[in-house]
C-alpha atoms as a PDB file:
ATOM      1  CA  UNK A   1      73.324  96.982 146.768  1.00  0.00           C
ATOM      2  CA  UNK A   2      75.555  95.211 144.808  1.00  0.00           C
ATOM      3  CA  UNK A   3      72.901  93.056 143.369  1.00  0.00           C
ATOM      4  CA  UNK A   4      71.294  96.181 142.527  1.00  0.00           C
ATOM      5  CA  UNK A   5      74.540  97.982 141.004  1.00  0.00           C
ATOM      6  CA  UNK A   6      75.146  94.897 138.678  1.00  0.00           C
ATOM      7  CA  UNK A   7      71.171  95.026 137.461  1.00  0.00           C
ATOM      8  CA  UNK A   8      71.729  98.962 136.304  1.00  0.00           C
ATOM      9  CA  UNK A   9      74.941  98.003 134.840  1.00  0.00           C
ATOM     10  CA  UNK A  10      73.246  95.532 132.680  1.00  0.00           C
ATOM     11  CA  UNK A  11      70.414  97.553 132.229  1.00  0.00           C
ATOM     12  CA  UNK A  12      72.448 100.533 130.705  1.00  0.00           C
ATOM     13  CA  UNK A  13      74.618  97.990 128.970  1.00  0.00           C
ATOM     14  CA  UNK A  14      71.470  96.542 127.056  1.00  0.00           C
ATOM     15  CA  UNK A  15      70.260  99.774 126.293  1.00  0.00           C
ATOM     16  CA  UNK A  16      73.822 101.500 124.682  1.00  0.00           C
ATOM     17  CA  UNK A  17      73.678  98.075 122.052  1.00  0.00           C
ATOM     18  CA  UNK A  18      69.882  98.901 121.567  1.00  0.00           C
ATOM     19  CA  UNK A  19      71.397 102.442 120.377  1.00  0.00           C
ATOM     20  CA  UNK A  20      74.237 101.333 118.778  1.00  0.00           C
ATOM     21  CA  UNK A  21      72.723  98.912 116.502  1.00  0.00           C
ATOM     22  CA  UNK A  22      69.564 100.953 115.939  1.00  0.00           C
ATOM     23  CA  UNK A  23      71.321 104.215 115.337  1.00  0.00           C
ATOM     24  CA  UNK A  24      73.639 102.935 113.220  1.00  0.00           C
ATOM     25  CA  UNK A  25      70.930 101.186 111.156  1.00  0.00           C
ATOM     26  CA  UNK A  26      69.503 104.475 110.891  1.00  0.00           C
ATOM     27  CA  UNK A  27      72.236 106.310 109.836  1.00  0.00           C
ATOM     28  CA  UNK A  28      72.964 103.543 107.280  1.00  0.00           C
ATOM     29  CA  UNK A  29      70.112 105.561 105.114  1.00  0.00           C
ATOM     30  CA  UNK A  30      70.278 109.011 106.316  1.00  0.00           C
ATOM     31  CA  UNK A  31      74.599 109.034 104.452  1.00  0.00           C
ATOM     32  CA  UNK A  32      72.853 107.113 101.634  1.00  0.00           C
ATOM     33  CA  UNK A  33      73.284 110.176  99.098  1.00  0.00           C
ATOM     34  CA  UNK A  34      77.236 110.516 100.593  1.00  0.00           C
ATOM     35  CA  UNK A  35      78.062 106.912  98.303  1.00  0.00           C
ATOM     36  CA  UNK A  36      77.814 109.011  95.426  1.00  0.00           C
ATOM     37  CA  UNK A  37      79.591 111.519  96.689  1.00  0.00           C
ATOM     38  CA  UNK A  38      83.658 111.515  96.769  1.00  0.00           C
ATOM     39  CA  UNK A  39      85.602 108.753  99.117  1.00  0.00           C
ATOM     40  CA  UNK A  40      85.826 112.135 101.623  1.00  0.00           C
ATOM     41  CA  UNK A  41      82.120 112.756 101.422  1.00  0.00           C
ATOM     42  CA  UNK A  42      81.446 109.015 102.226  1.00  0.00           C
ATOM     43  CA  UNK A  43      83.723 109.013 105.161  1.00  0.00           C
ATOM     44  CA  UNK A  44      81.307 111.688 106.930  1.00  0.00           C
ATOM     45  CA  UNK A  45      79.195 108.713 108.047  1.00  0.00           C
ATOM     46  CA  UNK A  46      82.077 107.132 110.150  1.00  0.00           C
ATOM     47  CA  UNK A  47      82.899 109.891 111.752  1.00  0.00           C
ATOM     48  CA  UNK A  48      79.604 111.242 112.629  1.00  0.00           C
ATOM     49  CA  UNK A  49      78.979 107.737 113.654  1.00  0.00           C
ATOM     50  CA  UNK A  50      82.039 107.317 115.964  1.00  0.00           C
ATOM     51  CA  UNK A  51      81.741 110.559 117.458  1.00  0.00           C
ATOM     52  CA  UNK A  52      77.770 110.207 118.330  1.00  0.00           C
ATOM     53  CA  UNK A  53      78.438 106.356 119.955  1.00  0.00           C
ATOM     54  CA  UNK A  54      81.228 108.060 122.016  1.00  0.00           C
ATOM     55  CA  UNK A  55      78.810 110.620 123.373  1.00  0.00           C
ATOM     56  CA  UNK A  56      76.336 107.818 124.075  1.00  0.00           C
ATOM     57  CA  UNK A  57      78.804 105.705 125.622  1.00  0.00           C
ATOM     58  CA  UNK A  58      79.518 107.806 128.458  1.00  0.00           C
ATOM     59  CA  UNK A  59      75.582 109.247 128.579  1.00  0.00           C
ATOM     60  CA  UNK A  60      74.831 105.656 128.444  1.00  0.00           C
ATOM     61  CA  UNK A  61      77.422 103.423 130.203  1.00  0.00           C
ATOM     62  CA  UNK A  62      79.546 105.995 132.348  1.00  0.00           C
ATOM     63  CA  UNK A  63      82.567 105.161 129.910  1.00  0.00           C
ATOM     64  CA  UNK A  64      85.094 108.272 129.435  1.00  0.00           C
ATOM     65  CA  UNK A  65      87.914 107.975 126.762  1.00  0.00           C
ATOM     66  CA  UNK A  66      90.800 109.911 127.387  1.00  0.00           C
ATOM     67  CA  UNK A  67      93.312 110.608 124.168  1.00  0.00           C
ATOM     68  CA  UNK A  68      96.399 110.939 125.039  1.00  0.00           C
ATOM     69  CA  UNK A  69     100.156 111.505 122.048  1.00  0.00           C
ATOM     70  CA  UNK A  70      97.679 113.421 119.584  1.00  0.00           C
ATOM     71  CA  UNK A  71     100.926 115.229 118.576  1.00  0.00           C
ATOM     72  CA  UNK A  72     102.552 112.139 117.637  1.00  0.00           C
ATOM     73  CA  UNK A  73     100.730 111.506 115.007  1.00  0.00           C
ATOM     74  CA  UNK A  74     102.675 112.819 111.596  1.00  0.00           C
ATOM     75  CA  UNK A  75     101.846 116.405 109.998  1.00  0.00           C
ATOM     76  CA  UNK A  76     100.868 114.659 106.867  1.00  0.00           C
ATOM     77  CA  UNK A  77      99.020 112.013 105.877  1.00  0.00           C
ATOM     78  CA  UNK A  78     100.104 108.498 104.499  1.00  0.00           C
ATOM     79  CA  UNK A  79     101.057 106.978 107.483  1.00  0.00           C
ATOM     80  CA  UNK A  80     100.136 103.563 109.095  1.00  0.00           C
ATOM     81  CA  UNK A  81      98.828 103.061 112.867  1.00  0.00           C
ATOM     82  CA  UNK A  82      99.720  99.661 114.441  1.00  0.00           C
ATOM     83  CA  UNK A  83      97.130  99.282 117.606  1.00  0.00           C
ATOM     84  CA  UNK A  84      96.885  97.264 120.406  1.00  0.00           C
ATOM     85  CA  UNK A  85      93.108  95.166 120.284  1.00  0.00           C
ATOM     86  CA  UNK A  86      91.290  94.901 123.556  1.00  0.00           C
ATOM     87  CA  UNK A  87      87.756  95.553 122.139  1.00  0.00           C
ATOM     88  CA  UNK A  88      85.441  96.586 119.843  1.00  0.00           C
ATOM     89  CA  UNK A  89      85.522  99.927 120.953  1.00  0.00           C
ATOM     90  CA  UNK A  90      89.141 100.882 119.109  1.00  0.00           C
ATOM     91  CA  UNK A  91      87.448 100.213 115.762  1.00  0.00           C
ATOM     92  CA  UNK A  92      84.551 102.945 116.800  1.00  0.00           C
ATOM     93  CA  UNK A  93      87.221 105.778 118.334  1.00  0.00           C
ATOM     94  CA  UNK A  94      89.691 105.670 115.459  1.00  0.00           C
ATOM     95  CA  UNK A  95      87.237 107.406 112.767  1.00  0.00           C
ATOM     96  CA  UNK A  96      86.715 110.482 114.849  1.00  0.00           C
ATOM     97  CA  UNK A  97      90.321 110.587 115.933  1.00  0.00           C
ATOM     98  CA  UNK A  98      92.271 109.850 113.088  1.00  0.00           C
ATOM     99  CA  UNK A  99      91.393 111.675 109.813  1.00  0.00           C
ATOM    100  CA  UNK A 100      90.773 109.874 106.705  1.00  0.00           C
ATOM    101  CA  UNK A 101      91.275 106.307 107.797  1.00  0.00           C
ATOM    102  CA  UNK A 102      90.831 102.711 106.188  1.00  0.00           C
ATOM    103  CA  UNK A 103      91.074  99.457 106.977  1.00  0.00           C
ATOM    104  CA  UNK A 104      92.106  96.036 105.711  1.00  0.00           C
ATOM    105  CA  UNK A 105      88.802  93.439 106.477  1.00  0.00           C
ATOM    106  CA  UNK A 106      87.783  90.386 105.824  1.00  0.00           C
ATOM    107  CA  UNK A 107      86.373  89.814 102.625  1.00  0.00           C
ATOM    108  CA  UNK A 108      82.762  88.175 104.291  1.00  0.00           C
ATOM    109  CA  UNK A 109      82.317  91.716 105.982  1.00  0.00           C
ATOM    110  CA  UNK A 110      81.214  93.250 102.574  1.00  0.00           C
ATOM    111  CA  UNK A 111      78.345  90.677 102.416  1.00  0.00           C
ATOM    112  CA  UNK A 112      76.579  92.395 105.413  1.00  0.00           C
ATOM    113  CA  UNK A 113      74.105  94.640 103.649  1.00  0.00           C
ATOM    114  CA  UNK A 114      74.417  98.108 103.457  1.00  0.00           C
ATOM    115  CA  UNK A 115      77.640  98.423 105.485  1.00  0.00           C
ATOM    116  CA  UNK A 116      79.451  96.256 102.824  1.00  0.00           C
ATOM    117  CA  UNK A 117      78.660  99.247  99.856  1.00  0.00           C
ATOM    118  CA  UNK A 118      80.049 101.663 103.134  1.00  0.00           C
ATOM    119  CA  UNK A 119      83.302  99.767 103.209  1.00  0.00           C
ATOM    120  CA  UNK A 120      84.051  99.780  99.783  1.00  0.00           C
ATOM    121  CA  UNK A 121      83.034 103.342  99.293  1.00  0.00           C
ATOM    122  CA  UNK A 122      85.638 104.621 101.940  1.00  0.00           C
ATOM    123  CA  UNK A 123      88.820 102.901 100.763  1.00  0.00           C
ATOM    124  CA  UNK A 124      88.564  99.680 102.942  1.00  0.00           C
ATOM    125  CA  UNK A 125      89.968  96.905 101.362  1.00  0.00           C
ATOM    126  CA  UNK A 126      88.864  93.256 101.816  1.00  0.00           C
ATOM    127  CA  UNK A 127      90.998  90.192 101.600  1.00  0.00           C
ATOM    128  CA  UNK A 128      90.789  86.362 101.569  1.00  0.00           C
ATOM    129  CA  UNK A 129      92.846  85.348 104.528  1.00  0.00           C
ATOM    130  CA  UNK A 130      93.036  81.832 102.405  1.00  0.00           C
ATOM    131  CA  UNK A 131      94.409  83.330  99.360  1.00  0.00           C
ATOM    132  CA  UNK A 132      98.115  83.007  99.660  1.00  0.00           C
ATOM    133  CA  UNK A 133     100.678  84.864  97.404  1.00  0.00           C
ATOM    134  CA  UNK A 134      98.362  86.781  95.143  1.00  0.00           C
ATOM    135  CA  UNK A 135      96.096  88.352  97.784  1.00  0.00           C
ATOM    136  CA  UNK A 136      98.762  89.430  98.940  1.00  0.00           C
ATOM    137  CA  UNK A 137      99.786  90.929  96.744  1.00  0.00           C
ATOM    138  CA  UNK A 138      97.011  92.296  95.584  1.00  0.00           C
ATOM    139  CA  UNK A 139      96.510  93.450  99.393  1.00  0.00           C
ATOM    140  CA  UNK A 140      99.802  95.380  99.479  1.00  0.00           C
ATOM    141  CA  UNK A 141      98.921  97.241  95.826  1.00  0.00           C
ATOM    142  CA  UNK A 142      95.494  98.491  97.723  1.00  0.00           C
ATOM    143  CA  UNK A 143      97.251  99.708 100.923  1.00  0.00           C
ATOM    144  CA  UNK A 144     100.074 101.140  98.483  1.00  0.00           C
ATOM    145  CA  UNK A 145      97.588 103.142  96.370  1.00  0.00           C
ATOM    146  CA  UNK A 146      95.299 104.672  99.504  1.00  0.00           C
ATOM    147  CA  UNK A 147      98.697 106.148 101.540  1.00  0.00           C
ATOM    148  CA  UNK A 148      99.751 107.440  98.365  1.00  0.00           C
ATOM    149  CA  UNK A 149      96.012 109.531  98.524  1.00  0.00           C
ATOM    150  CA  UNK A 150      97.008 110.616 101.739  1.00  0.00           C
ATOM    151  CA  UNK A 151      94.944 108.037 103.269  1.00  0.00           C
ATOM    152  CA  UNK A 152      96.059 106.286 106.859  1.00  0.00           C
ATOM    153  CA  UNK A 153      95.886 102.298 107.640  1.00  0.00           C
ATOM    154  CA  UNK A 154      94.609 101.164 110.672  1.00  0.00           C
ATOM    155  CA  UNK A 155      95.906  97.513 111.545  1.00  0.00           C
ATOM    156  CA  UNK A 156      96.246  95.804 114.543  1.00  0.00           C
ATOM    157  CA  UNK A 157      99.062  94.029 115.078  1.00  0.00           C
ATOM    158  CA  UNK A 158      97.590  90.952 117.072  1.00  0.00           C
ATOM    159  CA  UNK A 159      95.627  90.112 114.365  1.00  0.00           C
ATOM    160  CA  UNK A 160      92.685  89.273 117.303  1.00  0.00           C
ATOM    161  CA  UNK A 161      91.199  91.015 119.964  1.00  0.00           C
ATOM    162  CA  UNK A 162      92.986  89.814 123.746  1.00  0.00           C
ATOM    163  CA  UNK A 163      92.113  90.749 127.217  1.00  0.00           C
ATOM    164  CA  UNK A 164      93.324  93.108 129.372  1.00  0.00           C
ATOM    165  CA  UNK A 165      97.075  91.876 130.640  1.00  0.00           C
ATOM    166  CA  UNK A 166      97.059  88.861 127.780  1.00  0.00           C
ATOM    167  CA  UNK A 167     100.569  89.377 125.659  1.00  0.00           C
ATOM    168  CA  UNK A 168     100.831  87.419 122.431  1.00  0.00           C
ATOM    169  CA  UNK A 169     103.093  87.609 119.142  1.00  0.00           C
ATOM    170  CA  UNK A 170     102.561  90.391 116.737  1.00  0.00           C
ATOM    171  CA  UNK A 171     101.252  89.096 113.464  1.00  0.00           C
ATOM    172  CA  UNK A 172     104.336  89.823 110.685  1.00  0.00           C
ATOM    173  CA  UNK A 173     102.120  91.219 108.290  1.00  0.00           C
ATOM    174  CA  UNK A 174     102.455  94.470 109.960  1.00  0.00           C
ATOM    175  CA  UNK A 175     106.167  94.519 109.195  1.00  0.00           C
ATOM    176  CA  UNK A 176     105.753  92.962 105.620  1.00  0.00           C
ATOM    177  CA  UNK A 177     103.872  96.228 105.053  1.00  0.00           C
ATOM    178  CA  UNK A 178     106.093  98.434 106.980  1.00  0.00           C
ATOM    179  CA  UNK A 179     109.294  97.493 104.331  1.00  0.00           C
ATOM    180  CA  UNK A 180     106.972  97.436 101.603  1.00  0.00           C
ATOM    181  CA  UNK A 181     105.203 100.833 101.940  1.00  0.00           C
ATOM    182  CA  UNK A 182     107.910 103.050 103.776  1.00  0.00           C
ATOM    183  CA  UNK A 183     105.980 105.253 105.560  1.00  0.00           C
ATOM    184  CA  UNK A 184     106.121 105.854 109.471  1.00  0.00           C
ATOM    185  CA  UNK A 185     104.480 103.451 112.226  1.00  0.00           C
ATOM    186  CA  UNK A 186     102.498 105.084 114.648  1.00  0.00           C
ATOM    187  CA  UNK A 187     102.175 102.722 117.808  1.00  0.00           C
ATOM    188  CA  UNK A 188      99.140 102.804 120.099  1.00  0.00           C
ATOM    189  CA  UNK A 189      98.668 101.439 123.462  1.00  0.00           C
ATOM    190  CA  UNK A 190      95.119 101.217 125.398  1.00  0.00           C
ATOM    191  CA  UNK A 191      93.167  99.800 127.728  1.00  0.00           C
ATOM    192  CA  UNK A 192      89.824 100.065 126.494  1.00  0.00           C
ATOM    193  CA  UNK A 193      89.419  95.996 127.316  1.00  0.00           C
ATOM    194  CA  UNK A 194      88.624  96.507 131.150  1.00  0.00           C
ATOM    195  CA  UNK A 195      85.696  98.752 130.372  1.00  0.00           C
ATOM    196  CA  UNK A 196      84.259  97.063 127.097  1.00  0.00           C
ATOM    197  CA  UNK A 197      85.154  93.081 128.032  1.00  0.00           C
ATOM    198  CA  UNK A 198      85.950  90.779 125.013  1.00  0.00           C
ATOM    199  CA  UNK A 199      82.942  88.921 124.195  1.00  0.00           C
ATOM    200  CA  UNK A 200      80.758  90.620 126.781  1.00  0.00           C
ATOM    201  CA  UNK A 201      77.716  92.588 126.603  1.00  0.00           C
ATOM    202  CA  UNK A 202      78.543  94.499 130.400  1.00  0.00           C
ATOM    203  CA  UNK A 203      79.767  97.638 129.669  1.00  0.00           C
ATOM    204  CA  UNK A 204      82.008  99.290 133.085  1.00  0.00           C
ATOM    205  CA  UNK A 205      81.830 102.699 133.873  1.00  0.00           C
ATOM    206  CA  UNK A 206      85.238 104.053 133.919  1.00  0.00           C
ATOM    207  CA  UNK A 207      88.207 106.438 132.074  1.00  0.00           C
ATOM    208  CA  UNK A 208      89.761 104.624 129.171  1.00  0.00           C
ATOM    209  CA  UNK A 209      92.912 105.757 127.677  1.00  0.00           C
ATOM    210  CA  UNK A 210      94.011 105.773 124.217  1.00  0.00           C
ATOM    211  CA  UNK A 211      97.816 106.784 123.641  1.00  0.00           C
ATOM    212  CA  UNK A 212      99.178 107.636 120.735  1.00  0.00           C
ATOM    213  CA  UNK A 213     102.906 106.715 121.132  1.00  0.00           C
ATOM    214  CA  UNK A 214     106.363 108.269 119.069  1.00  0.00           C
ATOM    215  CA  UNK A 215     106.172 107.053 115.193  1.00  0.00           C
ATOM    216  CA  UNK A 216     108.511 104.507 114.504  1.00  0.00           C
ATOM    217  CA  UNK A 217     110.423 105.712 111.352  1.00  0.00           C
ATOM    218  CA  UNK A 218     111.127 104.219 108.207  1.00  0.00           C
ATOM    219  CA  UNK A 219     114.686 101.871 107.656  1.00  0.00           C
ATOM    220  CA  UNK A 220     114.406  99.649 109.974  1.00  0.00           C
ATOM    221  CA  UNK A 221     114.610  95.470 108.922  1.00  0.00           C
ATOM    222  CA  UNK A 222     111.357  93.389 109.540  1.00  0.00           C
ATOM    223  CA  UNK A 223     112.415  92.256 112.281  1.00  0.00           C
ATOM    224  CA  UNK A 224     113.936  94.560 114.227  1.00  0.00           C
ATOM    225  CA  UNK A 225     110.776  97.130 113.328  1.00  0.00           C
ATOM    226  CA  UNK A 226     108.448  94.227 115.032  1.00  0.00           C
ATOM    227  CA  UNK A 227     110.444  93.892 117.833  1.00  0.00           C
ATOM    228  CA  UNK A 228     110.354  97.564 118.401  1.00  0.00           C
ATOM    229  CA  UNK A 229     106.767  98.005 117.942  1.00  0.00           C
ATOM    230  CA  UNK A 230     106.145  95.053 120.415  1.00  0.00           C
ATOM    231  CA  UNK A 231     108.572  96.873 123.081  1.00  0.00           C
ATOM    232  CA  UNK A 232     107.037  99.918 122.707  1.00  0.00           C
ATOM    233  CA  UNK A 233     103.174  98.938 122.836  1.00  0.00           C
ATOM    234  CA  UNK A 234     103.396  96.379 125.552  1.00  0.00           C
ATOM    235  CA  UNK A 235     105.576  98.626 127.681  1.00  0.00           C
ATOM    236  CA  UNK A 236     103.229 101.378 127.316  1.00  0.00           C
ATOM    237  CA  UNK A 237     100.622  99.409 128.279  1.00  0.00           C
ATOM    238  CA  UNK A 238     102.076  98.670 131.670  1.00  0.00           C
ATOM    239  CA  UNK A 239     102.075 102.038 132.249  1.00  0.00           C
ATOM    240  CA  UNK A 240      98.707 102.957 131.461  1.00  0.00           C
ATOM    241  CA  UNK A 241      96.628 104.060 134.108  1.00  0.00           C
ATOM    242  CA  UNK A 242      93.598 102.099 135.414  1.00  0.00           C
ATOM    243  CA  UNK A 243      89.828 102.731 133.909  1.00  0.00           C
ATOM    244  CA  UNK A 244      88.898 102.935 137.760  1.00  0.00           C
ATOM    245  CA  UNK A 245      91.492 105.275 139.278  1.00  0.00           C
ATOM    246  CA  UNK A 246      89.925 108.007 140.797  1.00  0.00           C
ATOM    247  CA  UNK A 247      93.461 109.718 140.014  1.00  0.00           C
ATOM    248  CA  UNK A 248      93.490 109.692 136.394  1.00  0.00           C
ATOM    249  CA  UNK A 249      94.362 112.893 134.665  1.00  0.00           C
ATOM    250  CA  UNK A 250      91.550 113.808 132.064  1.00  0.00           C
ATOM    251  CA  UNK A 251      93.888 116.611 130.186  1.00  0.00           C
END
């Protein structure tokens, strides 16, 4: 029975990945007209894509997503969300949960056919990680401009995906943005990595929790902010329910 269950997981996981890539490619072309419209019009593509993939993830893989703490998001746009990063799933989910988002991403991603055009049109800011101080100033200017235009930045302070239970120092870049941009930062704890393991094809059924915590207001020194951000997220991480618990409150 265990072998049949594992085979079933693999089949469903491969099917989901097929849907993910094929539907994404189709939607690239369907939404091309939005590339000639406003930035918010172009953002209809990632929002719809996110909503559709979340539905497929549940229907095909049996993975549900419960969002907590949305009331903690600032009423006014132009803030930063600093999230734990365990899988590719959070880069999908945020589009349909948080309004008007943008990312700072590797410049190489702009070379992806068609997708690169959407990245630019939807306000993402490319960065050359080896570009030094000049690149940082350019990135900062871009972020400040987007925030003033009432867009919200998604950033992953760990810098890369980490396995559940792993703790690593947060990148000081998030503290730099906090000090320079003078906007509130919303910490996010999550446990996506249990159901969508890093660098794994297999998707495991369960109920994932993504929790938005109380915003960190402006005014802290960079080091104090980074310590506060780390403590809040990691403490919340330790208290998240298991995705495989039958007693999870889905409300």
